[in-house]
Amino acid sequence: DGEFITTDAMSHKASFSCPEDVGTFNIYRMYHE
């Protein structure tokens, strides 16, 4: 909503299933340029 929100590193986790049978993985929200 119009601004950057700062949280602790690796503090928000989700699960994501990749296509083409790559697998299901825990992914972590982080900052990237």
PDB file of all heavy atoms in Angstrom:
ATOM      1  N   ASP A   1       0.812  -1.222   0.000  1.00  0.00           N
ATOM      2  CA  ASP A   1       0.000   0.000   0.000  1.00  0.00           C
ATOM      3  C   ASP A   1       0.845   1.271   0.000  1.00  0.00           C
ATOM      4  O   ASP A   1       0.644   2.189   0.812  1.00  0.00           O
ATOM      5  CB  ASP A   1      -0.952   0.000   1.203  1.00  0.00           C
ATOM      6  CG  ASP A   1      -1.924  -1.166   1.157  1.00  0.00           C
ATOM      7  OD1 ASP A   1      -2.322  -1.561   0.045  1.00  0.00           O
ATOM      8  OD2 ASP A   1      -2.269  -1.700   2.221  1.00  0.00           O
ATOM      9  N   GLY A   2       1.820   1.328  -0.893  1.00  0.00           N
ATOM     10  CA  GLY A   2       2.557   2.562  -1.102  1.00  0.00           C
ATOM     11  C   GLY A   2       3.796   2.769  -0.264  1.00  0.00           C
ATOM     12  O   GLY A   2       4.403   3.839  -0.322  1.00  0.00           O
ATOM     13  N   GLU A   3       4.203   1.758   0.502  1.00  0.00           N
ATOM     14  CA  GLU A   3       5.417   1.905   1.306  1.00  0.00           C
ATOM     15  C   GLU A   3       6.032   0.541   1.580  1.00  0.00           C
ATOM     16  O   GLU A   3       5.375  -0.498   1.471  1.00  0.00           O
ATOM     17  CB  GLU A   3       5.110   2.604   2.625  1.00  0.00           C
ATOM     18  CG  GLU A   3       4.169   1.830   3.527  1.00  0.00           C
ATOM     19  CD  GLU A   3       3.918   2.536   4.845  1.00  0.00           C
ATOM     20  OE1 GLU A   3       4.698   3.446   5.178  1.00  0.00           O
ATOM     21  OE2 GLU A   3       2.948   2.170   5.545  1.00  0.00           O
ATOM     22  N   PHE A   4       7.324   0.580   1.936  1.00  0.00           N
ATOM     23  CA  PHE A   4       8.001  -0.649   2.326  1.00  0.00           C
ATOM     24  C   PHE A   4       7.779  -0.910   3.808  1.00  0.00           C
ATOM     25  O   PHE A   4       7.943  -0.020   4.648  1.00  0.00           O
ATOM     26  CB  PHE A   4       9.504  -0.565   2.031  1.00  0.00           C
ATOM     27  CG  PHE A   4       9.847  -0.898   0.600  1.00  0.00           C
ATOM     28  CD1 PHE A   4      10.240   0.092  -0.282  1.00  0.00           C
ATOM     29  CD2 PHE A   4       9.762  -2.215   0.147  1.00  0.00           C
ATOM     30  CE1 PHE A   4      10.548  -0.211  -1.597  1.00  0.00           C
ATOM     31  CE2 PHE A   4      10.064  -2.522  -1.166  1.00  0.00           C
ATOM     32  CZ  PHE A   4      10.466  -1.525  -2.046  1.00  0.00           C
ATOM     33  N   ILE A   5       7.401  -2.144   4.120  1.00  0.00           N
ATOM     34  CA  ILE A   5       7.198  -2.598   5.491  1.00  0.00           C
ATOM     35  C   ILE A   5       8.399  -3.465   5.878  1.00  0.00           C
ATOM     36  O   ILE A   5       8.766  -4.390   5.155  1.00  0.00           O
ATOM     37  CB  ILE A   5       5.904  -3.419   5.629  1.00  0.00           C
ATOM     38  CG1 ILE A   5       4.701  -2.627   5.070  1.00  0.00           C
ATOM     39  CG2 ILE A   5       5.688  -3.830   7.071  1.00  0.00           C
ATOM     40  CD1 ILE A   5       4.419  -1.342   5.803  1.00  0.00           C
ATOM     41  N   THR A   6       9.010  -3.161   7.019  1.00  0.00           N
ATOM     42  CA  THR A   6      10.180  -3.899   7.468  1.00  0.00           C
ATOM     43  C   THR A   6       9.793  -4.913   8.537  1.00  0.00           C
ATOM     44  O   THR A   6       9.080  -4.586   9.492  1.00  0.00           O
ATOM     45  CB  THR A   6      11.249  -2.940   8.027  1.00  0.00           C
ATOM     46  OG1 THR A   6      11.640  -2.017   7.010  1.00  0.00           O
ATOM     47  CG2 THR A   6      12.483  -3.714   8.479  1.00  0.00           C
ATOM     48  N   THR A   7      10.273  -6.143   8.359  1.00  0.00           N
ATOM     49  CA  THR A   7      10.067  -7.206   9.340  1.00  0.00           C
ATOM     50  C   THR A   7      11.402  -7.919   9.559  1.00  0.00           C
ATOM     51  O   THR A   7      12.364  -7.702   8.828  1.00  0.00           O
ATOM     52  CB  THR A   7       8.998  -8.212   8.862  1.00  0.00           C
ATOM     53  OG1 THR A   7       9.334  -8.665   7.534  1.00  0.00           O
ATOM     54  CG2 THR A   7       7.622  -7.572   8.820  1.00  0.00           C
ATOM     55  N   ASP A   8      11.446  -8.783  10.551  1.00  0.00           N
ATOM     56  CA  ASP A   8      12.679  -9.512  10.821  1.00  0.00           C
ATOM     57  C   ASP A   8      13.004 -10.466   9.676  1.00  0.00           C
ATOM     58  O   ASP A   8      12.111 -11.001   9.014  1.00  0.00           O
ATOM     59  CB  ASP A   8      12.554 -10.310  12.124  1.00  0.00           C
ATOM     60  CG  ASP A   8      12.485  -9.424  13.347  1.00  0.00           C
ATOM     61  OD1 ASP A   8      12.936  -8.263  13.257  1.00  0.00           O
ATOM     62  OD2 ASP A   8      11.958  -9.883  14.380  1.00  0.00           O
ATOM     63  N   ALA A   9      14.287 -10.687   9.475  1.00  0.00           N
ATOM     64  CA  ALA A   9      14.726 -11.625   8.436  1.00  0.00           C
ATOM     65  C   ALA A   9      14.136 -13.010   8.687  1.00  0.00           C
ATOM     66  O   ALA A   9      14.097 -13.490   9.822  1.00  0.00           O
ATOM     67  CB  ALA A   9      16.251 -11.699   8.421  1.00  0.00           C
ATOM     68  N   MET A  10      13.645 -13.621   7.623  1.00  0.00           N
ATOM     69  CA  MET A  10      13.143 -14.993   7.634  1.00  0.00           C
ATOM     70  C   MET A  10      11.965 -15.205   8.593  1.00  0.00           C
ATOM     71  O   MET A  10      11.713 -16.317   9.049  1.00  0.00           O
ATOM     72  CB  MET A  10      14.264 -15.977   8.004  1.00  0.00           C
ATOM     73  CG  MET A  10      15.598 -15.695   7.348  1.00  0.00           C
ATOM     74  SD  MET A  10      15.592 -15.971   5.575  1.00  0.00           S
ATOM     75  CE  MET A  10      15.998 -17.686   5.524  1.00  0.00           C
ATOM     76  N   SER A  11      11.233 -14.154   8.912  1.00  0.00           N
ATOM     77  CA  SER A  11      10.171 -14.273   9.909  1.00  0.00           C
ATOM     78  C   SER A  11       8.822 -14.678   9.305  1.00  0.00           C
ATOM     79  O   SER A  11       7.895 -14.987  10.042  1.00  0.00           O
ATOM     80  CB  SER A  11      10.013 -12.951  10.667  1.00  0.00           C
ATOM     81  OG  SER A  11       9.667 -11.892   9.787  1.00  0.00           O
ATOM     82  N   HIS A  12       8.722 -14.674   7.983  1.00  0.00           N
ATOM     83  CA  HIS A  12       7.448 -15.033   7.347  1.00  0.00           C
ATOM     84  C   HIS A  12       7.689 -16.167   6.375  1.00  0.00           C
ATOM     85  O   HIS A  12       8.477 -16.048   5.433  1.00  0.00           O
ATOM     86  CB  HIS A  12       6.856 -13.827   6.628  1.00  0.00           C
ATOM     87  CG  HIS A  12       5.426 -14.002   6.222  1.00  0.00           C
ATOM     88  ND1 HIS A  12       4.393 -14.064   7.126  1.00  0.00           N
ATOM     89  CD2 HIS A  12       4.855 -14.152   5.001  1.00  0.00           C
ATOM     90  CE1 HIS A  12       3.236 -14.225   6.484  1.00  0.00           C
ATOM     91  NE2 HIS A  12       3.494 -14.293   5.197  1.00  0.00           N
ATOM     92  N   LYS A  13       7.033 -17.287   6.621  1.00  0.00           N
ATOM     93  CA  LYS A  13       7.234 -18.507   5.836  1.00  0.00           C
ATOM     94  C   LYS A  13       5.941 -18.920   5.157  1.00  0.00           C
ATOM     95  O   LYS A  13       4.848 -18.694   5.665  1.00  0.00           O
ATOM     96  CB  LYS A  13       7.721 -19.640   6.750  1.00  0.00           C
ATOM     97  CG  LYS A  13       7.962 -20.960   6.047  1.00  0.00           C
ATOM     98  CD  LYS A  13       8.542 -22.007   7.001  1.00  0.00           C
ATOM     99  CE  LYS A  13       7.508 -22.548   7.933  1.00  0.00           C
ATOM    100  NZ  LYS A  13       8.012 -23.733   8.706  1.00  0.00           N
ATOM    101  N   ALA A  14       6.075 -19.528   3.976  1.00  0.00           N
ATOM    102  CA  ALA A  14       4.928 -20.075   3.263  1.00  0.00           C
ATOM    103  C   ALA A  14       5.365 -21.370   2.582  1.00  0.00           C
ATOM    104  O   ALA A  14       6.561 -21.680   2.519  1.00  0.00           O
ATOM    105  CB  ALA A  14       4.388 -19.077   2.239  1.00  0.00           C
ATOM    106  N   SER A  15       4.409 -22.116   2.088  1.00  0.00           N
ATOM    107  CA  SER A  15       4.689 -23.329   1.330  1.00  0.00           C
ATOM    108  C   SER A  15       4.305 -23.108  -0.125  1.00  0.00           C
ATOM    109  O   SER A  15       3.259 -22.512  -0.406  1.00  0.00           O
ATOM    110  CB  SER A  15       3.903 -24.515   1.905  1.00  0.00           C
ATOM    111  OG  SER A  15       4.134 -25.686   1.146  1.00  0.00           O
ATOM    112  N   PHE A  16       5.170 -23.557  -1.020  1.00  0.00           N
ATOM    113  CA  PHE A  16       4.904 -23.354  -2.450  1.00  0.00           C
ATOM    114  C   PHE A  16       5.215 -24.628  -3.216  1.00  0.00           C
ATOM    115  O   PHE A  16       6.293 -25.212  -3.062  1.00  0.00           O
ATOM    116  CB  PHE A  16       5.753 -22.209  -2.996  1.00  0.00           C
ATOM    117  CG  PHE A  16       5.490 -21.896  -4.449  1.00  0.00           C
ATOM    118  CD1 PHE A  16       4.308 -21.284  -4.839  1.00  0.00           C
ATOM    119  CD2 PHE A  16       6.416 -22.234  -5.430  1.00  0.00           C
ATOM    120  CE1 PHE A  16       4.058 -21.008  -6.179  1.00  0.00           C
ATOM    121  CE2 PHE A  16       6.185 -21.960  -6.764  1.00  0.00           C
ATOM    122  CZ  PHE A  16       5.000 -21.340  -7.142  1.00  0.00           C
ATOM    123  N   SER A  17       4.261 -25.049  -4.046  1.00  0.00           N
ATOM    124  CA  SER A  17       4.446 -26.223  -4.901  1.00  0.00           C
ATOM    125  C   SER A  17       4.821 -25.780  -6.304  1.00  0.00           C
ATOM    126  O   SER A  17       4.039 -25.108  -6.983  1.00  0.00           O
ATOM    127  CB  SER A  17       3.166 -27.065  -4.937  1.00  0.00           C
ATOM    128  OG  SER A  17       2.875 -27.593  -3.660  1.00  0.00           O
ATOM    129  N   CYS A  18       6.019 -26.137  -6.721  1.00  0.00           N
ATOM    130  CA  CYS A  18       6.506 -25.768  -8.049  1.00  0.00           C
ATOM    131  C   CYS A  18       5.857 -26.641  -9.117  1.00  0.00           C
ATOM    132  O   CYS A  18       5.499 -27.799  -8.862  1.00  0.00           O
ATOM    133  CB  CYS A  18       8.020 -25.935  -8.129  1.00  0.00           C
ATOM    134  SG  CYS A  18       8.955 -24.909  -6.986  1.00  0.00           S
ATOM    135  N   PRO A  19       5.727 -26.122 -10.322  1.00  0.00           N
ATOM    136  CA  PRO A  19       5.193 -26.930 -11.426  1.00  0.00           C
ATOM    137  C   PRO A  19       6.207 -27.975 -11.882  1.00  0.00           C
ATOM    138  O   PRO A  19       7.363 -27.980 -11.461  1.00  0.00           O
ATOM    139  CB  PRO A  19       4.924 -25.891 -12.516  1.00  0.00           C
ATOM    140  CG  PRO A  19       5.844 -24.764 -12.202  1.00  0.00           C
ATOM    141  CD  PRO A  19       6.003 -24.740 -10.718  1.00  0.00           C
ATOM    142  N   GLU A  20       5.754 -28.861 -12.753  1.00  0.00           N
ATOM    143  CA  GLU A  20       6.589 -29.865 -13.418  1.00  0.00           C
ATOM    144  C   GLU A  20       7.325 -30.769 -12.435  1.00  0.00           C
ATOM    145  O   GLU A  20       8.459 -31.200 -12.669  1.00  0.00           O
ATOM    146  CB  GLU A  20       7.574 -29.188 -14.380  1.00  0.00           C
ATOM    147  CG  GLU A  20       6.882 -28.345 -15.450  1.00  0.00           C
ATOM    148  CD  GLU A  20       7.852 -27.675 -16.405  1.00  0.00           C
ATOM    149  OE1 GLU A  20       8.924 -28.239 -16.689  1.00  0.00           O
ATOM    150  OE2 GLU A  20       7.517 -26.565 -16.877  1.00  0.00           O
ATOM    151  N   ASP A  21       6.669 -31.050 -11.303  1.00  0.00           N
ATOM    152  CA  ASP A  21       7.182 -31.999 -10.312  1.00  0.00           C
ATOM    153  C   ASP A  21       8.540 -31.607  -9.738  1.00  0.00           C
ATOM    154  O   ASP A  21       9.312 -32.482  -9.313  1.00  0.00           O
ATOM    155  CB  ASP A  21       7.269 -33.412 -10.918  1.00  0.00           C
ATOM    156  CG  ASP A  21       5.907 -33.959 -11.322  1.00  0.00           C
ATOM    157  OD1 ASP A  21       4.941 -33.730 -10.565  1.00  0.00           O
ATOM    158  OD2 ASP A  21       5.811 -34.586 -12.391  1.00  0.00           O
ATOM    159  N   VAL A  22       8.834 -30.312  -9.696  1.00  0.00           N
ATOM    160  CA  VAL A  22      10.066 -29.882  -9.032  1.00  0.00           C
ATOM    161  C   VAL A  22       9.969 -30.140  -7.536  1.00  0.00           C
ATOM    162  O   VAL A  22      10.963 -30.476  -6.884  1.00  0.00           O
ATOM    163  CB  VAL A  22      10.353 -28.394  -9.318  1.00  0.00           C
ATOM    164  CG1 VAL A  22      11.537 -27.896  -8.492  1.00  0.00           C
ATOM    165  CG2 VAL A  22      10.626 -28.185 -10.798  1.00  0.00           C
ATOM    166  N   GLY A  23       8.768 -30.001  -6.980  1.00  0.00           N
ATOM    167  CA  GLY A  23       8.564 -30.306  -5.573  1.00  0.00           C
ATOM    168  C   GLY A  23       7.873 -29.191  -4.820  1.00  0.00           C
ATOM    169  O   GLY A  23       7.577 -28.120  -5.369  1.00  0.00           O
ATOM    170  N   THR A  24       7.589 -29.446  -3.555  1.00  0.00           N
ATOM    171  CA  THR A  24       6.983 -28.464  -2.649  1.00  0.00           C
ATOM    172  C   THR A  24       8.027 -28.038  -1.630  1.00  0.00           C
ATOM    173  O   THR A  24       8.706 -28.874  -1.033  1.00  0.00           O
ATOM    174  CB  THR A  24       5.751 -29.054  -1.948  1.00  0.00           C
ATOM    175  OG1 THR A  24       4.770 -29.393  -2.936  1.00  0.00           O
ATOM    176  CG2 THR A  24       5.150 -28.056  -0.964  1.00  0.00           C
ATOM    177  N   PHE A  25       8.128 -26.724  -1.420  1.00  0.00           N
ATOM    178  CA  PHE A  25       9.215 -26.181  -0.615  1.00  0.00           C
ATOM    179  C   PHE A  25       8.701 -25.127   0.353  1.00  0.00           C
ATOM    180  O   PHE A  25       7.722 -24.435   0.068  1.00  0.00           O
ATOM    181  CB  PHE A  25      10.281 -25.544  -1.519  1.00  0.00           C
ATOM    182  CG  PHE A  25      10.922 -26.508  -2.471  1.00  0.00           C
ATOM    183  CD1 PHE A  25      10.323 -26.805  -3.690  1.00  0.00           C
ATOM    184  CD2 PHE A  25      12.123 -27.132  -2.146  1.00  0.00           C
ATOM    185  CE1 PHE A  25      10.917 -27.703  -4.571  1.00  0.00           C
ATOM    186  CE2 PHE A  25      12.716 -28.025  -3.022  1.00  0.00           C
ATOM    187  CZ  PHE A  25      12.114 -28.315  -4.238  1.00  0.00           C
ATOM    188  N   ASN A  26       9.399 -24.998   1.477  1.00  0.00           N
ATOM    189  CA  ASN A  26       9.194 -23.857   2.358  1.00  0.00           C
ATOM    190  C   ASN A  26       9.929 -22.661   1.761  1.00  0.00           C
ATOM    191  O   ASN A  26      11.119 -22.741   1.450  1.00  0.00           O
ATOM    192  CB  ASN A  26       9.737 -24.142   3.758  1.00  0.00           C
ATOM    193  CG  ASN A  26       8.875 -25.109   4.531  1.00  0.00           C
ATOM    194  OD1 ASN A  26       7.660 -25.171   4.339  1.00  0.00           O
ATOM    195  ND2 ASN A  26       9.497 -25.886   5.408  1.00  0.00           N
ATOM    196  N   ILE A  27       9.200 -21.568   1.593  1.00  0.00           N
ATOM    197  CA  ILE A  27       9.798 -20.345   1.076  1.00  0.00           C
ATOM    198  C   ILE A  27       9.668 -19.254   2.133  1.00  0.00           C
ATOM    199  O   ILE A  27       8.709 -19.230   2.906  1.00  0.00           O
ATOM    200  CB  ILE A  27       9.164 -19.901  -0.257  1.00  0.00           C
ATOM    201  CG1 ILE A  27       7.658 -19.701  -0.121  1.00  0.00           C
ATOM    202  CG2 ILE A  27       9.479 -20.904  -1.364  1.00  0.00           C
ATOM    203  CD1 ILE A  27       6.984 -19.141  -1.376  1.00  0.00           C
ATOM    204  N   TYR A  28      10.654 -18.351   2.165  1.00  0.00           N
ATOM    205  CA  TYR A  28      10.719 -17.312   3.183  1.00  0.00           C
ATOM    206  C   TYR A  28      10.760 -15.942   2.521  1.00  0.00           C
ATOM    207  O   TYR A  28      11.497 -15.735   1.553  1.00  0.00           O
ATOM    208  CB  TYR A  28      11.950 -17.509   4.064  1.00  0.00           C
ATOM    209  CG  TYR A  28      11.912 -18.788   4.868  1.00  0.00           C
ATOM    210  CD1 TYR A  28      12.262 -20.004   4.276  1.00  0.00           C
ATOM    211  CD2 TYR A  28      11.508 -18.787   6.195  1.00  0.00           C
ATOM    212  CE1 TYR A  28      12.212 -21.186   4.999  1.00  0.00           C
ATOM    213  CE2 TYR A  28      11.462 -19.968   6.927  1.00  0.00           C
ATOM    214  CZ  TYR A  28      11.812 -21.167   6.322  1.00  0.00           C
ATOM    215  OH  TYR A  28      11.758 -22.337   7.047  1.00  0.00           O
ATOM    216  N   ARG A  29       9.960 -15.036   3.063  1.00  0.00           N
ATOM    217  CA  ARG A  29       9.931 -13.679   2.514  1.00  0.00           C
ATOM    218  C   ARG A  29      11.196 -12.934   2.928  1.00  0.00           C
ATOM    219  O   ARG A  29      11.592 -12.970   4.088  1.00  0.00           O
ATOM    220  CB  ARG A  29       8.693 -12.935   2.993  1.00  0.00           C
ATOM    221  CG  ARG A  29       8.452 -11.619   2.268  1.00  0.00           C
ATOM    222  CD  ARG A  29       7.093 -11.045   2.604  1.00  0.00           C
ATOM    223  NE  ARG A  29       7.001 -10.701   4.023  1.00  0.00           N
ATOM    224  CZ  ARG A  29       5.857 -10.377   4.629  1.00  0.00           C
ATOM    225  NH1 ARG A  29       4.725 -10.382   3.947  1.00  0.00           N
ATOM    226  NH2 ARG A  29       5.848 -10.057   5.907  1.00  0.00           N
ATOM    227  N   MET A  30      11.831 -12.278   1.961  1.00  0.00           N
ATOM    228  CA  MET A  30      13.038 -11.515   2.226  1.00  0.00           C
ATOM    229  C   MET A  30      13.085 -10.333   1.260  1.00  0.00           C
ATOM    230  O   MET A  30      12.267 -10.231   0.340  1.00  0.00           O
ATOM    231  CB  MET A  30      14.290 -12.394   2.061  1.00  0.00           C
ATOM    232  CG  MET A  30      14.391 -13.088   0.715  1.00  0.00           C
ATOM    233  SD  MET A  30      15.818 -14.194   0.598  1.00  0.00           S
ATOM    234  CE  MET A  30      17.160 -12.988   0.484  1.00  0.00           C
ATOM    235  N   TYR A  31      14.016  -9.454   1.510  1.00  0.00           N
ATOM    236  CA  TYR A  31      14.142  -8.294   0.626  1.00  0.00           C
ATOM    237  C   TYR A  31      15.083  -8.612  -0.524  1.00  0.00           C
ATOM    238  O   TYR A  31      16.104  -9.279  -0.337  1.00  0.00           O
ATOM    239  CB  TYR A  31      14.656  -7.074   1.390  1.00  0.00           C
ATOM    240  CG  TYR A  31      14.784  -5.858   0.487  1.00  0.00           C
ATOM    241  CD1 TYR A  31      13.641  -5.265  -0.043  1.00  0.00           C
ATOM    242  CD2 TYR A  31      16.024  -5.341   0.158  1.00  0.00           C
ATOM    243  CE1 TYR A  31      13.738  -4.172  -0.873  1.00  0.00           C
ATOM    244  CE2 TYR A  31      16.130  -4.240  -0.670  1.00  0.00           C
ATOM    245  CZ  TYR A  31      14.985  -3.655  -1.198  1.00  0.00           C
ATOM    246  OH  TYR A  31      15.082  -2.584  -2.029  1.00  0.00           O
ATOM    247  N   HIS A  32      14.733  -8.128  -1.701  1.00  0.00           N
ATOM    248  CA  HIS A  32      15.596  -8.261  -2.868  1.00  0.00           C
ATOM    249  C   HIS A  32      15.485  -6.995  -3.685  1.00  0.00           C
ATOM    250  O   HIS A  32      14.423  -6.381  -3.763  1.00  0.00           O
ATOM    251  CB  HIS A  32      15.196  -9.487  -3.702  1.00  0.00           C
ATOM    252  CG  HIS A  32      16.358 -10.318  -4.123  1.00  0.00           C
ATOM    253  ND1 HIS A  32      16.679 -10.522  -5.443  1.00  0.00           N
ATOM    254  CD2 HIS A  32      17.289 -10.987  -3.402  1.00  0.00           C
ATOM    255  CE1 HIS A  32      17.751 -11.302  -5.519  1.00  0.00           C
ATOM    256  NE2 HIS A  32      18.143 -11.598  -4.295  1.00  0.00           N
ATOM    257  N   GLU A  33      16.591  -6.626  -4.337  1.00  0.00           N
ATOM    258  CA  GLU A  33      16.687  -5.285  -4.895  1.00  0.00           C
ATOM    259  C   GLU A  33      15.683  -4.958  -5.988  1.00  0.00           C
ATOM    260  O   GLU A  33      15.305  -3.797  -6.170  1.00  0.00           O
ATOM    261  CB  GLU A  33      18.107  -5.017  -5.417  1.00  0.00           C
ATOM    262  CG  GLU A  33      18.571  -5.937  -6.520  1.00  0.00           C
ATOM    263  CD  GLU A  33      19.726  -6.806  -6.086  1.00  0.00           C
ATOM    264  OE1 GLU A  33      19.593  -7.492  -5.057  1.00  0.00           O
ATOM    265  OE2 GLU A  33      20.753  -6.814  -6.774  1.00  0.00           O
TER     266      GLU A  33
END
